[in-house]
Amino acid sequence: MRFFWTFFWTFLLVQMINYVVSSMIGTAFDLKTGSILAVAATILIFIVASIIPEGPSEKEAIH
């Protein structure tokens, strides 16, 4: 479920950004471009989440 909801919200947010930016620069809205960017952003989110440690390190825990 975590993968689905992450992709769902990323898809919606990227499509909104795609719509606003395409309107600002005067081009047509393209769902395919937004979808490709949403998949790439979702993969990037999971990569960054796997790199970041889950808890404090031992140096931070000992004072």
C-alpha atoms as a PDB file:
ATOM      1  CA  MET A   1       0.000   0.000   0.000  1.00  0.00           C
ATOM      2  CA  ARG A   2       2.898   2.338   0.737  1.00  0.00           C
ATOM      3  CA  PHE A   3       4.006   2.193  -2.909  1.00  0.00           C
ATOM      4  CA  PHE A   4       0.510   2.828  -4.225  1.00  0.00           C
ATOM      5  CA  TRP A   5      -0.195   5.881  -2.069  1.00  0.00           C
ATOM      6  CA  THR A   6       3.217   7.362  -2.720  1.00  0.00           C
ATOM      7  CA  PHE A   7       2.694   7.005  -6.463  1.00  0.00           C
ATOM      8  CA  PHE A   8      -0.887   8.273  -6.233  1.00  0.00           C
ATOM      9  CA  TRP A   9       0.022  11.519  -4.485  1.00  0.00           C
ATOM     10  CA  THR A  10       3.172  12.016  -6.539  1.00  0.00           C
ATOM     11  CA  PHE A  11       1.140  11.502  -9.720  1.00  0.00           C
ATOM     12  CA  LEU A  12      -1.441  14.094  -8.675  1.00  0.00           C
ATOM     13  CA  LEU A  13       1.114  16.675  -7.577  1.00  0.00           C
ATOM     14  CA  VAL A  14       3.270  16.270 -10.682  1.00  0.00           C
ATOM     15  CA  GLN A  15       0.219  16.558 -12.941  1.00  0.00           C
ATOM     16  CA  MET A  16      -0.797  19.779 -11.178  1.00  0.00           C
ATOM     17  CA  ILE A  17       2.708  21.198 -11.564  1.00  0.00           C
ATOM     18  CA  ASN A  18       2.752  20.090 -15.202  1.00  0.00           C
ATOM     19  CA  TYR A  19      -0.572  21.831 -15.846  1.00  0.00           C
ATOM     20  CA  VAL A  20       0.464  25.091 -14.203  1.00  0.00           C
ATOM     21  CA  VAL A  21       3.858  25.239 -15.899  1.00  0.00           C
ATOM     22  CA  SER A  22       2.441  24.391 -19.326  1.00  0.00           C
ATOM     23  CA  SER A  23      -0.171  27.126 -18.874  1.00  0.00           C
ATOM     24  CA  MET A  24       2.460  29.648 -17.855  1.00  0.00           C
ATOM     25  CA  ILE A  25       4.672  28.997 -20.862  1.00  0.00           C
ATOM     26  CA  GLY A  26       1.737  28.749 -23.268  1.00  0.00           C
ATOM     27  CA  THR A  27       2.017  25.120 -24.394  1.00  0.00           C
ATOM     28  CA  ALA A  28      -0.539  22.344 -24.438  1.00  0.00           C
ATOM     29  CA  PHE A  29      -0.975  20.117 -21.377  1.00  0.00           C
ATOM     30  CA  ASP A  30       0.547  16.672 -21.976  1.00  0.00           C
ATOM     31  CA  LEU A  31      -0.556  13.850 -19.675  1.00  0.00           C
ATOM     32  CA  LYS A  32       2.185  11.528 -20.936  1.00  0.00           C
ATOM     33  CA  THR A  33       4.994  13.876 -19.921  1.00  0.00           C
ATOM     34  CA  GLY A  34       3.527  14.302 -16.458  1.00  0.00           C
ATOM     35  CA  SER A  35       3.119  10.555 -16.069  1.00  0.00           C
ATOM     36  CA  ILE A  36       6.747   9.895 -16.966  1.00  0.00           C
ATOM     37  CA  LEU A  37       7.869  12.577 -14.525  1.00  0.00           C
ATOM     38  CA  ALA A  38       5.609  11.118 -11.807  1.00  0.00           C
ATOM     39  CA  VAL A  39       7.148   7.661 -12.193  1.00  0.00           C
ATOM     40  CA  ALA A  40      10.653   9.134 -12.087  1.00  0.00           C
ATOM     41  CA  ALA A  41       9.807  11.234  -9.012  1.00  0.00           C
ATOM     42  CA  THR A  42       8.302   8.214  -7.235  1.00  0.00           C
ATOM     43  CA  ILE A  43      11.439   6.158  -7.870  1.00  0.00           C
ATOM     44  CA  LEU A  44      13.580   9.051  -6.635  1.00  0.00           C
ATOM     45  CA  ILE A  45      11.478   9.344  -3.462  1.00  0.00           C
ATOM     46  CA  PHE A  46      11.980   5.655  -2.662  1.00  0.00           C
ATOM     47  CA  ILE A  47      15.721   5.857  -3.336  1.00  0.00           C
ATOM     48  CA  VAL A  48      16.117   8.857  -1.039  1.00  0.00           C
ATOM     49  CA  ALA A  49      13.952   7.200   1.633  1.00  0.00           C
ATOM     50  CA  SER A  50      16.133   4.074   1.575  1.00  0.00           C
ATOM     51  CA  ILE A  51      19.343   6.121   1.909  1.00  0.00           C
ATOM     52  CA  ILE A  52      18.211   8.229   4.881  1.00  0.00           C
ATOM     53  CA  PRO A  53      18.757   6.444   8.225  1.00  0.00           C
ATOM     54  CA  GLU A  54      15.630   5.607  10.198  1.00  0.00           C
ATOM     55  CA  GLY A  55      16.834   6.537  13.669  1.00  0.00           C
ATOM     56  CA  PRO A  56      19.480   8.605  15.380  1.00  0.00           C
ATOM     57  CA  SER A  57      23.048   7.402  15.122  1.00  0.00           C
ATOM     58  CA  GLU A  58      24.915   6.197  18.200  1.00  0.00           C
ATOM     59  CA  LYS A  59      26.953   9.399  18.342  1.00  0.00           C
ATOM     60  CA  GLU A  60      23.792  11.461  18.605  1.00  0.00           C
ATOM     61  CA  ALA A  61      22.203   9.155  21.195  1.00  0.00           C
ATOM     62  CA  ILE A  62      25.144   9.324  23.631  1.00  0.00           C
ATOM     63  CA  HIS A  63      25.597  12.683  25.347  1.00  0.00           C
END
